[in-house]
């Protein structure tokens, strides 16, 4: 049976993106690469955590993580990641607007789900088989899954920065009991792992 996991890069004060996300500032104004430097500048130091993030058999993300716009789809938009996204597995994108599946290089196919988190999770379970399902983000999507009690393992990657504003994790999720399972740090990030429930 698939385990439902979530990996989130986050500031010390709990933000996973800054304010006013846009095409020019995909992670919000004033954020730049601050939350994700450890993935690119110190990939070797953080190889174990990066391997865990990409090991899922299916991913679920919100529309805001896939695209900078709202409303009807700009069909020329194929995501932030170029021709070969890093997922190499089915990705289920939550949206209020239908769109045909989008197959990319390297085995990633984006499927656009209009039936909410329940439909997305059902389809991801079928696609993942025995592998885990990763709730990839952004904050609103993760908070919906946390509020519904659907995430079993939460892995936070805390960057040494205070953003002060933006999209916050743990908004309107209610009480959640976490059991720490691992902690490790490298110069650019502290990795915290928890089981939930």
N, C-alpha and C. Protein backbone atom coordinates (compact mmCIF):
# COMPACT_ATOMS: atom_id res chain seq x y z
N UNK A 1 0.84 -1.19 0.00
CA UNK A 1 0.00 0.00 0.00
C UNK A 1 0.88 1.25 0.00
N UNK A 2 0.53 2.25 -0.77
CA UNK A 2 1.33 3.46 -0.90
C UNK A 2 1.33 4.29 0.37
N UNK A 3 2.51 4.79 0.73
CA UNK A 3 2.61 5.76 1.82
C UNK A 3 2.46 7.15 1.24
N UNK A 4 1.78 8.04 1.95
CA UNK A 4 1.59 9.41 1.47
C UNK A 4 2.56 10.31 2.22
N UNK A 5 3.47 10.91 1.46
CA UNK A 5 4.53 11.72 2.04
C UNK A 5 4.41 13.17 1.54
N UNK A 6 5.17 14.03 2.19
CA UNK A 6 5.24 15.42 1.76
C UNK A 6 6.61 15.96 2.11
N UNK A 7 7.27 16.58 1.15
CA UNK A 7 8.53 17.29 1.37
C UNK A 7 8.30 18.75 1.07
N UNK A 8 8.67 19.62 2.03
CA UNK A 8 8.50 21.06 1.82
C UNK A 8 9.75 21.80 2.25
N UNK A 9 10.29 22.61 1.35
CA UNK A 9 11.34 23.56 1.72
C UNK A 9 10.65 24.77 2.34
N UNK A 10 11.19 25.25 3.46
CA UNK A 10 10.48 26.23 4.25
C UNK A 10 11.45 27.17 4.95
N UNK A 11 11.03 28.40 5.16
CA UNK A 11 11.83 29.34 5.95
C UNK A 11 11.66 29.01 7.43
N UNK A 12 12.54 29.56 8.26
CA UNK A 12 12.46 29.32 9.70
C UNK A 12 11.12 29.79 10.26
N UNK A 13 10.53 30.83 9.67
CA UNK A 13 9.25 31.34 10.18
C UNK A 13 8.04 30.72 9.47
N UNK A 14 8.24 29.60 8.78
CA UNK A 14 7.11 28.81 8.31
C UNK A 14 6.56 29.11 6.94
N UNK A 15 7.27 29.91 6.14
CA UNK A 15 6.77 30.25 4.80
C UNK A 15 7.42 29.35 3.75
N UNK A 16 6.62 28.90 2.79
CA UNK A 16 7.13 28.06 1.71
C UNK A 16 7.19 28.81 0.39
N UNK A 17 6.70 30.04 0.37
CA UNK A 17 6.80 30.94 -0.78
C UNK A 17 6.57 32.35 -0.27
N UNK A 18 7.07 33.33 -1.01
CA UNK A 18 6.86 34.72 -0.65
C UNK A 18 5.54 35.23 -1.21
N UNK A 19 5.25 36.51 -1.00
CA UNK A 19 4.01 37.09 -1.52
C UNK A 19 4.09 37.35 -3.02
N UNK A 20 2.92 37.46 -3.64
CA UNK A 20 2.80 37.88 -5.05
C UNK A 20 3.59 37.01 -6.01
N UNK A 21 3.32 35.71 -5.99
CA UNK A 21 3.96 34.81 -6.94
C UNK A 21 3.53 35.18 -8.36
N UNK A 22 4.47 35.10 -9.30
CA UNK A 22 4.19 35.50 -10.68
C UNK A 22 5.19 34.82 -11.60
N UNK A 23 5.04 35.06 -12.89
CA UNK A 23 5.98 34.50 -13.87
C UNK A 23 7.40 34.97 -13.61
N UNK A 24 7.55 36.23 -13.21
CA UNK A 24 8.89 36.78 -12.94
C UNK A 24 9.42 36.39 -11.57
N UNK A 25 8.53 36.06 -10.64
CA UNK A 25 8.93 35.66 -9.28
C UNK A 25 8.13 34.42 -8.88
N UNK A 26 8.50 33.25 -9.43
CA UNK A 26 7.69 32.05 -9.21
C UNK A 26 7.55 31.64 -7.75
N UNK A 27 8.52 31.97 -6.91
CA UNK A 27 8.42 31.65 -5.49
C UNK A 27 8.01 32.86 -4.66
N UNK A 28 7.57 33.94 -5.32
CA UNK A 28 7.14 35.14 -4.62
C UNK A 28 8.23 36.19 -4.58
N UNK A 29 7.80 37.41 -4.33
CA UNK A 29 8.73 38.54 -4.29
C UNK A 29 9.72 38.41 -3.13
N UNK A 30 10.98 38.67 -3.42
CA UNK A 30 12.01 38.69 -2.38
C UNK A 30 12.53 37.34 -1.94
N UNK A 31 12.09 36.26 -2.59
CA UNK A 31 12.53 34.94 -2.16
C UNK A 31 13.73 34.46 -2.95
N UNK A 32 13.69 34.62 -4.27
CA UNK A 32 14.79 34.12 -5.09
C UNK A 32 14.96 32.63 -4.88
N UNK A 33 16.21 32.19 -4.72
CA UNK A 33 16.51 30.78 -4.51
C UNK A 33 16.74 30.44 -3.05
N UNK A 34 16.41 31.36 -2.14
CA UNK A 34 16.75 31.19 -0.73
C UNK A 34 16.28 29.87 -0.13
N UNK A 35 15.08 29.43 -0.48
CA UNK A 35 14.54 28.21 0.13
C UNK A 35 15.09 26.94 -0.48
N UNK A 36 15.62 27.03 -1.70
CA UNK A 36 16.01 25.83 -2.43
C UNK A 36 17.50 25.79 -2.81
N UNK A 37 18.30 26.70 -2.27
CA UNK A 37 19.72 26.70 -2.62
C UNK A 37 20.38 25.36 -2.35
N UNK A 38 19.98 24.72 -1.24
CA UNK A 38 20.57 23.44 -0.85
C UNK A 38 20.39 22.36 -1.92
N UNK A 39 19.33 22.45 -2.72
CA UNK A 39 19.09 21.46 -3.76
C UNK A 39 20.07 21.60 -4.93
N UNK A 40 20.51 22.82 -5.19
CA UNK A 40 21.29 23.09 -6.40
C UNK A 40 22.76 23.38 -6.08
N UNK A 41 23.01 24.12 -5.02
CA UNK A 41 24.38 24.49 -4.69
C UNK A 41 25.09 23.44 -3.84
N UNK A 42 24.30 22.57 -3.19
CA UNK A 42 24.88 21.55 -2.31
C UNK A 42 24.17 20.22 -2.49
N UNK A 43 23.91 19.86 -3.73
CA UNK A 43 23.16 18.63 -4.01
C UNK A 43 23.87 17.40 -3.45
N UNK A 44 25.19 17.37 -3.53
CA UNK A 44 25.92 16.21 -3.03
C UNK A 44 25.77 16.07 -1.52
N UNK A 45 25.80 17.18 -0.79
CA UNK A 45 25.63 17.14 0.66
C UNK A 45 24.23 16.67 1.07
N UNK A 46 23.28 16.85 0.18
CA UNK A 46 21.88 16.55 0.49
C UNK A 46 21.31 15.45 -0.42
N UNK A 47 22.19 14.59 -0.91
CA UNK A 47 21.79 13.58 -1.89
C UNK A 47 20.73 12.63 -1.35
N UNK A 48 20.83 12.24 -0.09
CA UNK A 48 19.86 11.28 0.47
C UNK A 48 18.46 11.87 0.49
N UNK A 49 18.36 13.13 0.89
CA UNK A 49 17.05 13.79 0.94
C UNK A 49 16.49 14.02 -0.46
N UNK A 50 17.33 14.39 -1.40
CA UNK A 50 16.88 14.59 -2.77
C UNK A 50 16.39 13.27 -3.38
N UNK A 51 17.06 12.18 -3.05
CA UNK A 51 16.63 10.87 -3.55
C UNK A 51 15.26 10.50 -2.99
N UNK A 52 15.02 10.81 -1.72
CA UNK A 52 13.70 10.54 -1.13
C UNK A 52 12.60 11.34 -1.81
N UNK A 53 12.89 12.60 -2.12
CA UNK A 53 11.90 13.48 -2.74
C UNK A 53 11.47 12.92 -4.10
N UNK A 54 12.42 12.44 -4.87
CA UNK A 54 12.12 12.02 -6.24
C UNK A 54 11.77 10.53 -6.36
N UNK A 55 11.70 9.81 -5.24
CA UNK A 55 11.45 8.37 -5.28
C UNK A 55 9.98 8.01 -5.40
N UNK A 56 9.09 8.96 -5.29
CA UNK A 56 7.65 8.66 -5.30
C UNK A 56 7.21 8.08 -6.63
N UNK A 57 6.15 7.29 -6.58
CA UNK A 57 5.57 6.72 -7.78
C UNK A 57 4.54 7.61 -8.43
N UNK A 58 4.09 8.66 -7.69
CA UNK A 58 3.15 9.65 -8.22
C UNK A 58 3.24 10.89 -7.33
N UNK A 59 2.90 12.03 -7.92
CA UNK A 59 2.97 13.31 -7.22
C UNK A 59 1.63 14.03 -7.37
N UNK A 60 1.30 14.85 -6.36
CA UNK A 60 0.11 15.71 -6.43
C UNK A 60 0.57 17.13 -6.13
N UNK A 61 0.13 18.09 -6.95
CA UNK A 61 0.47 19.48 -6.73
C UNK A 61 -0.73 20.37 -7.06
N UNK A 62 -0.70 21.58 -6.53
CA UNK A 62 -1.71 22.57 -6.86
C UNK A 62 -1.37 23.28 -8.16
N UNK A 63 -2.38 23.93 -8.72
CA UNK A 63 -2.16 24.65 -9.97
C UNK A 63 -1.09 25.73 -9.80
N UNK A 64 -1.06 26.38 -8.65
CA UNK A 64 -0.10 27.46 -8.43
C UNK A 64 1.34 26.96 -8.50
N UNK A 65 1.55 25.69 -8.20
CA UNK A 65 2.89 25.13 -8.31
C UNK A 65 3.24 24.81 -9.76
N UNK A 66 2.23 24.55 -10.57
CA UNK A 66 2.46 24.21 -11.97
C UNK A 66 2.53 25.43 -12.87
N UNK A 67 1.73 26.46 -12.60
CA UNK A 67 1.59 27.58 -13.53
C UNK A 67 1.44 28.91 -12.80
N UNK A 68 1.82 30.02 -13.45
CA UNK A 68 1.72 31.33 -12.81
C UNK A 68 0.35 31.99 -12.98
N UNK A 69 -0.54 31.39 -13.79
CA UNK A 69 -1.79 32.07 -14.11
C UNK A 69 -2.99 31.34 -13.50
N UNK A 70 -4.16 31.97 -13.60
CA UNK A 70 -5.43 31.39 -13.15
C UNK A 70 -6.42 31.45 -14.31
N UNK A 71 -7.61 30.92 -14.09
CA UNK A 71 -8.60 30.97 -15.15
C UNK A 71 -8.32 29.93 -16.21
N UNK A 72 -8.76 30.21 -17.43
CA UNK A 72 -8.55 29.27 -18.53
C UNK A 72 -7.06 29.05 -18.75
N UNK A 73 -6.72 27.85 -19.21
CA UNK A 73 -5.33 27.48 -19.40
C UNK A 73 -4.70 28.19 -20.59
N UNK A 74 -3.45 28.58 -20.41
CA UNK A 74 -2.58 28.95 -21.53
C UNK A 74 -1.92 27.64 -21.96
N UNK A 75 -2.38 27.05 -23.06
CA UNK A 75 -1.93 25.72 -23.45
C UNK A 75 -0.47 25.68 -23.89
N UNK A 76 0.14 26.83 -24.09
CA UNK A 76 1.57 26.84 -24.42
C UNK A 76 2.42 26.63 -23.17
N UNK A 77 1.81 26.79 -21.99
CA UNK A 77 2.55 26.64 -20.73
C UNK A 77 2.67 25.16 -20.38
N UNK A 78 3.90 24.69 -20.14
CA UNK A 78 4.12 23.28 -19.82
C UNK A 78 4.84 23.10 -18.48
N UNK A 79 4.77 24.10 -17.62
CA UNK A 79 5.41 24.00 -16.30
C UNK A 79 6.69 24.80 -16.22
N UNK A 80 7.23 24.87 -15.01
CA UNK A 80 8.43 25.68 -14.73
C UNK A 80 9.72 24.97 -15.07
N UNK A 81 9.67 23.67 -15.40
CA UNK A 81 10.85 22.82 -15.33
C UNK A 81 11.50 22.53 -16.67
N UNK A 82 11.00 23.07 -17.77
CA UNK A 82 11.58 22.77 -19.07
C UNK A 82 11.02 21.48 -19.64
N UNK A 83 11.70 20.95 -20.65
CA UNK A 83 11.18 19.80 -21.39
C UNK A 83 11.18 18.52 -20.57
N UNK A 84 12.10 18.42 -19.59
CA UNK A 84 12.18 17.20 -18.77
C UNK A 84 12.05 17.56 -17.29
N UNK A 85 10.83 17.58 -16.77
CA UNK A 85 10.63 17.87 -15.34
C UNK A 85 11.30 16.81 -14.47
N UNK A 86 11.57 17.13 -13.20
CA UNK A 86 12.32 16.22 -12.33
C UNK A 86 11.51 15.06 -11.77
N UNK A 87 10.24 14.94 -12.10
CA UNK A 87 9.39 13.96 -11.42
C UNK A 87 9.52 12.54 -11.98
N UNK A 88 9.59 12.39 -13.29
CA UNK A 88 9.75 11.08 -13.93
C UNK A 88 8.67 10.10 -13.48
N UNK A 89 7.45 10.61 -13.31
CA UNK A 89 6.31 9.82 -12.83
C UNK A 89 5.05 10.63 -13.11
N UNK A 90 3.87 10.03 -12.94
CA UNK A 90 2.64 10.81 -13.11
C UNK A 90 2.52 11.91 -12.05
N UNK A 91 2.08 13.08 -12.49
CA UNK A 91 1.85 14.22 -11.59
C UNK A 91 0.39 14.65 -11.77
N UNK A 92 -0.34 14.73 -10.67
CA UNK A 92 -1.74 15.11 -10.70
C UNK A 92 -1.87 16.55 -10.20
N UNK A 93 -2.30 17.44 -11.09
CA UNK A 93 -2.36 18.87 -10.82
C UNK A 93 -3.81 19.26 -10.51
N UNK A 94 -4.04 19.79 -9.31
CA UNK A 94 -5.38 20.24 -8.92
C UNK A 94 -5.73 21.52 -9.65
N UNK A 95 -6.92 21.58 -10.23
CA UNK A 95 -7.33 22.75 -10.97
C UNK A 95 -8.85 22.82 -11.02
N UNK A 96 -9.38 24.02 -11.25
CA UNK A 96 -10.81 24.18 -11.50
C UNK A 96 -11.13 24.16 -12.99
N UNK A 97 -10.09 24.05 -13.81
CA UNK A 97 -10.26 24.11 -15.26
C UNK A 97 -9.69 22.85 -15.90
N UNK A 98 -10.47 22.21 -16.75
CA UNK A 98 -10.03 20.99 -17.41
C UNK A 98 -8.91 21.28 -18.41
N UNK A 99 -8.07 20.28 -18.58
CA UNK A 99 -7.00 20.35 -19.58
C UNK A 99 -6.60 18.93 -19.93
N UNK A 100 -6.23 18.70 -21.17
CA UNK A 100 -5.78 17.38 -21.59
C UNK A 100 -4.46 17.03 -20.89
N UNK A 101 -4.21 15.73 -20.72
CA UNK A 101 -2.94 15.27 -20.15
C UNK A 101 -1.77 15.84 -20.95
N UNK A 102 -0.67 16.08 -20.26
CA UNK A 102 0.52 16.66 -20.88
C UNK A 102 1.72 15.76 -20.62
N UNK A 103 2.16 15.02 -21.63
CA UNK A 103 3.30 14.12 -21.51
C UNK A 103 4.58 14.89 -21.81
N UNK A 104 5.57 14.73 -20.94
CA UNK A 104 6.85 15.41 -21.08
C UNK A 104 7.96 14.38 -21.23
N UNK A 105 9.17 14.85 -21.51
CA UNK A 105 10.32 13.96 -21.61
C UNK A 105 10.65 13.38 -20.24
N UNK A 106 11.26 12.19 -20.23
CA UNK A 106 11.74 11.60 -18.99
C UNK A 106 10.69 10.87 -18.18
N UNK A 107 9.49 10.69 -18.74
CA UNK A 107 8.48 9.90 -18.04
C UNK A 107 7.49 10.67 -17.21
N UNK A 108 7.59 12.00 -17.16
CA UNK A 108 6.60 12.80 -16.43
C UNK A 108 5.39 13.05 -17.32
N UNK A 109 4.20 12.76 -16.79
CA UNK A 109 2.96 13.16 -17.45
C UNK A 109 2.12 13.93 -16.44
N UNK A 110 1.72 15.12 -16.80
CA UNK A 110 0.84 15.93 -15.95
C UNK A 110 -0.61 15.60 -16.29
N UNK A 111 -1.38 15.26 -15.25
CA UNK A 111 -2.80 14.98 -15.37
C UNK A 111 -3.54 16.08 -14.58
N UNK A 112 -4.52 16.69 -15.16
CA UNK A 112 -5.19 17.84 -14.55
C UNK A 112 -6.52 17.38 -13.96
N UNK A 113 -6.67 17.56 -12.65
CA UNK A 113 -7.76 16.98 -11.88
C UNK A 113 -8.69 18.08 -11.40
N UNK A 114 -9.96 17.98 -11.74
CA UNK A 114 -10.93 19.01 -11.33
C UNK A 114 -11.81 18.55 -10.17
N UNK A 115 -11.62 17.33 -9.68
CA UNK A 115 -12.47 16.78 -8.62
C UNK A 115 -11.91 16.91 -7.22
N UNK A 116 -10.91 17.75 -7.01
CA UNK A 116 -10.38 17.99 -5.66
C UNK A 116 -9.39 16.95 -5.20
N UNK A 117 -9.02 17.04 -3.91
CA UNK A 117 -7.94 16.20 -3.38
C UNK A 117 -8.32 14.73 -3.33
N UNK A 118 -9.60 14.42 -3.14
CA UNK A 118 -10.02 13.02 -3.06
C UNK A 118 -9.81 12.32 -4.40
N UNK A 119 -10.24 12.97 -5.49
CA UNK A 119 -10.03 12.39 -6.81
C UNK A 119 -8.55 12.28 -7.14
N UNK A 120 -7.79 13.34 -6.83
CA UNK A 120 -6.36 13.32 -7.12
C UNK A 120 -5.66 12.18 -6.38
N UNK A 121 -6.01 11.98 -5.12
CA UNK A 121 -5.38 10.93 -4.33
C UNK A 121 -5.75 9.55 -4.85
N UNK A 122 -7.00 9.36 -5.22
CA UNK A 122 -7.43 8.08 -5.77
C UNK A 122 -6.68 7.74 -7.04
N UNK A 123 -6.55 8.71 -7.92
CA UNK A 123 -5.83 8.48 -9.18
C UNK A 123 -4.34 8.26 -8.94
N UNK A 124 -3.77 9.00 -7.98
CA UNK A 124 -2.35 8.84 -7.66
C UNK A 124 -2.07 7.46 -7.07
N UNK A 125 -2.97 6.96 -6.23
CA UNK A 125 -2.78 5.62 -5.66
C UNK A 125 -2.75 4.56 -6.76
N UNK A 126 -3.64 4.69 -7.72
CA UNK A 126 -3.66 3.74 -8.83
C UNK A 126 -2.35 3.82 -9.62
N UNK A 127 -1.88 5.03 -9.87
CA UNK A 127 -0.66 5.23 -10.67
C UNK A 127 0.60 4.79 -9.94
N UNK A 128 0.64 4.99 -8.62
CA UNK A 128 1.88 4.76 -7.85
C UNK A 128 2.14 3.28 -7.59
N UNK A 129 1.11 2.46 -7.61
CA UNK A 129 1.32 1.06 -7.25
C UNK A 129 1.79 0.93 -5.82
N UNK A 130 2.93 0.25 -5.59
CA UNK A 130 3.47 0.08 -4.24
C UNK A 130 4.37 1.24 -3.80
N UNK A 131 4.67 2.15 -4.72
CA UNK A 131 5.54 3.27 -4.37
C UNK A 131 4.77 4.34 -3.60
N UNK A 132 5.50 5.26 -2.99
CA UNK A 132 4.85 6.33 -2.22
C UNK A 132 4.22 7.36 -3.14
N UNK A 133 3.33 8.15 -2.55
CA UNK A 133 2.70 9.28 -3.22
C UNK A 133 3.20 10.53 -2.52
N UNK A 134 3.71 11.49 -3.27
CA UNK A 134 4.24 12.72 -2.70
C UNK A 134 3.28 13.88 -2.94
N UNK A 135 2.90 14.55 -1.85
CA UNK A 135 2.14 15.80 -1.96
C UNK A 135 3.19 16.89 -2.13
N UNK A 136 3.35 17.38 -3.36
CA UNK A 136 4.50 18.20 -3.72
C UNK A 136 4.34 19.68 -3.37
N UNK A 137 3.14 20.17 -3.19
CA UNK A 137 2.94 21.58 -2.89
C UNK A 137 1.93 22.21 -3.81
N UNK A 138 1.76 23.48 -3.71
CA UNK A 138 2.29 24.43 -2.76
C UNK A 138 1.56 24.37 -1.42
N UNK A 139 1.68 25.50 -0.69
CA UNK A 139 1.19 25.57 0.67
C UNK A 139 -0.30 25.22 0.77
N UNK A 140 -1.12 25.78 -0.08
CA UNK A 140 -2.56 25.54 -0.02
C UNK A 140 -2.89 24.07 -0.19
N UNK A 141 -2.25 23.43 -1.14
CA UNK A 141 -2.49 22.00 -1.39
C UNK A 141 -2.05 21.16 -0.20
N UNK A 142 -0.85 21.41 0.31
CA UNK A 142 -0.36 20.66 1.46
C UNK A 142 -1.27 20.88 2.66
N UNK A 143 -1.69 22.11 2.89
CA UNK A 143 -2.57 22.40 4.03
C UNK A 143 -3.90 21.66 3.90
N UNK A 144 -4.43 21.54 2.68
CA UNK A 144 -5.67 20.77 2.49
C UNK A 144 -5.47 19.31 2.87
N UNK A 145 -4.37 18.72 2.44
CA UNK A 145 -4.09 17.32 2.77
C UNK A 145 -3.82 17.14 4.26
N UNK A 146 -3.12 18.09 4.89
CA UNK A 146 -2.90 18.01 6.33
C UNK A 146 -4.22 18.11 7.09
N UNK A 147 -5.06 19.05 6.71
CA UNK A 147 -6.35 19.23 7.38
C UNK A 147 -7.22 17.99 7.27
N UNK A 148 -7.11 17.28 6.15
CA UNK A 148 -7.90 16.07 5.93
C UNK A 148 -7.26 14.83 6.57
N UNK A 149 -6.08 15.00 7.18
CA UNK A 149 -5.41 13.88 7.83
C UNK A 149 -4.87 12.84 6.87
N UNK A 150 -4.47 13.26 5.69
CA UNK A 150 -4.09 12.32 4.64
C UNK A 150 -2.58 12.14 4.47
N UNK A 151 -1.76 12.96 5.12
CA UNK A 151 -0.30 12.82 4.99
C UNK A 151 0.22 11.98 6.14
N UNK A 152 1.02 10.97 5.80
CA UNK A 152 1.56 10.06 6.82
C UNK A 152 2.98 10.42 7.26
N UNK A 153 3.76 10.96 6.35
CA UNK A 153 5.14 11.33 6.67
C UNK A 153 5.42 12.72 6.12
N UNK A 154 5.87 13.61 7.01
CA UNK A 154 6.15 15.00 6.65
C UNK A 154 7.64 15.25 6.81
N UNK A 155 8.27 15.70 5.72
CA UNK A 155 9.71 15.99 5.75
C UNK A 155 9.90 17.47 5.43
N UNK A 156 10.36 18.22 6.41
CA UNK A 156 10.56 19.66 6.27
C UNK A 156 12.04 19.93 6.04
N UNK A 157 12.33 20.83 5.12
CA UNK A 157 13.71 21.20 4.79
C UNK A 157 13.82 22.69 5.08
N UNK A 158 14.36 23.01 6.25
CA UNK A 158 14.32 24.38 6.78
C UNK A 158 15.56 25.15 6.34
N UNK A 159 15.33 26.18 5.54
CA UNK A 159 16.43 27.05 5.09
C UNK A 159 16.69 28.12 6.15
N UNK A 160 17.94 28.51 6.34
CA UNK A 160 18.27 29.50 7.37
C UNK A 160 17.95 30.93 6.93
N UNK A 161 16.66 31.19 6.74
CA UNK A 161 16.22 32.52 6.32
C UNK A 161 14.85 32.79 6.94
N UNK A 162 14.60 34.04 7.28
CA UNK A 162 13.28 34.48 7.76
C UNK A 162 12.68 35.34 6.65
N UNK A 163 11.52 34.92 6.13
CA UNK A 163 10.88 35.67 5.03
C UNK A 163 9.94 36.75 5.53
N UNK A 164 9.27 36.52 6.64
CA UNK A 164 8.40 37.54 7.22
C UNK A 164 6.99 37.60 6.65
N UNK A 165 6.79 37.10 5.43
CA UNK A 165 5.47 37.12 4.81
C UNK A 165 5.45 36.16 3.64
N UNK A 166 4.24 35.82 3.19
CA UNK A 166 4.12 34.93 2.05
C UNK A 166 3.10 33.85 2.29
N UNK A 167 3.34 32.68 1.67
CA UNK A 167 2.46 31.52 1.79
C UNK A 167 2.97 30.64 2.92
N UNK A 168 2.14 30.47 3.95
CA UNK A 168 2.58 29.77 5.16
C UNK A 168 2.05 28.34 5.20
N UNK A 169 2.89 27.43 5.65
CA UNK A 169 2.47 26.08 5.93
C UNK A 169 1.72 26.05 7.27
N UNK A 170 0.85 25.07 7.46
CA UNK A 170 0.10 24.82 8.70
C UNK A 170 -1.00 25.84 8.96
N UNK A 171 -1.52 26.49 7.92
CA UNK A 171 -2.64 27.42 8.07
C UNK A 171 -3.95 26.65 8.01
N UNK A 172 -4.77 26.82 9.03
CA UNK A 172 -6.10 26.20 9.12
C UNK A 172 -6.07 24.69 8.93
N UNK A 173 -5.11 24.05 9.58
CA UNK A 173 -5.03 22.58 9.50
C UNK A 173 -5.52 21.91 10.78
N UNK A 174 -5.80 22.68 11.82
CA UNK A 174 -6.20 22.08 13.08
C UNK A 174 -5.00 21.51 13.82
N UNK A 175 -5.29 20.77 14.89
CA UNK A 175 -4.21 20.17 15.68
C UNK A 175 -3.68 18.94 14.96
N UNK A 176 -2.35 18.82 14.93
CA UNK A 176 -1.69 17.67 14.31
C UNK A 176 -0.61 17.19 15.27
N UNK A 177 -0.62 15.90 15.59
CA UNK A 177 0.42 15.31 16.43
C UNK A 177 1.50 14.72 15.55
N UNK A 178 2.73 15.15 15.77
CA UNK A 178 3.87 14.71 14.98
C UNK A 178 4.84 13.92 15.85
N UNK A 179 5.42 12.88 15.29
CA UNK A 179 6.46 12.12 15.98
C UNK A 179 7.76 12.29 15.21
N UNK A 180 8.78 12.92 15.82
CA UNK A 180 10.04 13.10 15.12
C UNK A 180 10.70 11.76 14.83
N UNK A 181 11.22 11.61 13.61
CA UNK A 181 11.89 10.36 13.24
C UNK A 181 13.34 10.59 12.81
N UNK A 182 13.68 11.80 12.37
CA UNK A 182 15.05 12.06 11.95
C UNK A 182 15.31 13.55 11.90
N UNK A 183 16.57 13.91 12.13
CA UNK A 183 17.02 15.29 11.95
C UNK A 183 18.46 15.26 11.45
N UNK A 184 18.75 16.10 10.49
CA UNK A 184 20.11 16.18 9.94
C UNK A 184 20.29 17.57 9.36
N UNK A 185 21.50 18.11 9.47
CA UNK A 185 21.71 19.43 8.87
C UNK A 185 22.98 19.45 8.05
N UNK A 186 22.95 20.33 7.07
CA UNK A 186 24.10 20.64 6.25
C UNK A 186 24.20 22.18 6.28
N UNK A 187 25.23 22.78 5.71
CA UNK A 187 25.38 24.23 5.85
C UNK A 187 24.20 25.07 5.35
N UNK A 188 23.41 24.57 4.39
CA UNK A 188 22.35 25.38 3.81
C UNK A 188 20.94 24.97 4.22
N UNK A 189 20.81 23.90 5.02
CA UNK A 189 19.45 23.41 5.33
C UNK A 189 19.49 22.48 6.55
N UNK A 190 18.38 22.43 7.26
CA UNK A 190 18.16 21.44 8.31
C UNK A 190 16.98 20.57 7.88
N UNK A 191 17.19 19.27 7.85
CA UNK A 191 16.16 18.33 7.42
C UNK A 191 15.48 17.74 8.66
N UNK A 192 14.16 17.87 8.75
CA UNK A 192 13.38 17.32 9.85
C UNK A 192 12.35 16.35 9.30
N UNK A 193 12.26 15.17 9.85
CA UNK A 193 11.28 14.18 9.40
C UNK A 193 10.35 13.81 10.54
N UNK A 194 9.06 13.68 10.21
CA UNK A 194 8.05 13.33 11.20
C UNK A 194 7.07 12.32 10.61
N UNK A 195 6.57 11.43 11.46
CA UNK A 195 5.36 10.70 11.11
C UNK A 195 4.19 11.45 11.74
N UNK A 196 3.02 11.30 11.13
CA UNK A 196 1.83 12.01 11.58
C UNK A 196 0.80 11.02 12.09
N UNK A 197 0.21 11.36 13.23
CA UNK A 197 -0.86 10.53 13.78
C UNK A 197 -0.40 9.73 14.96
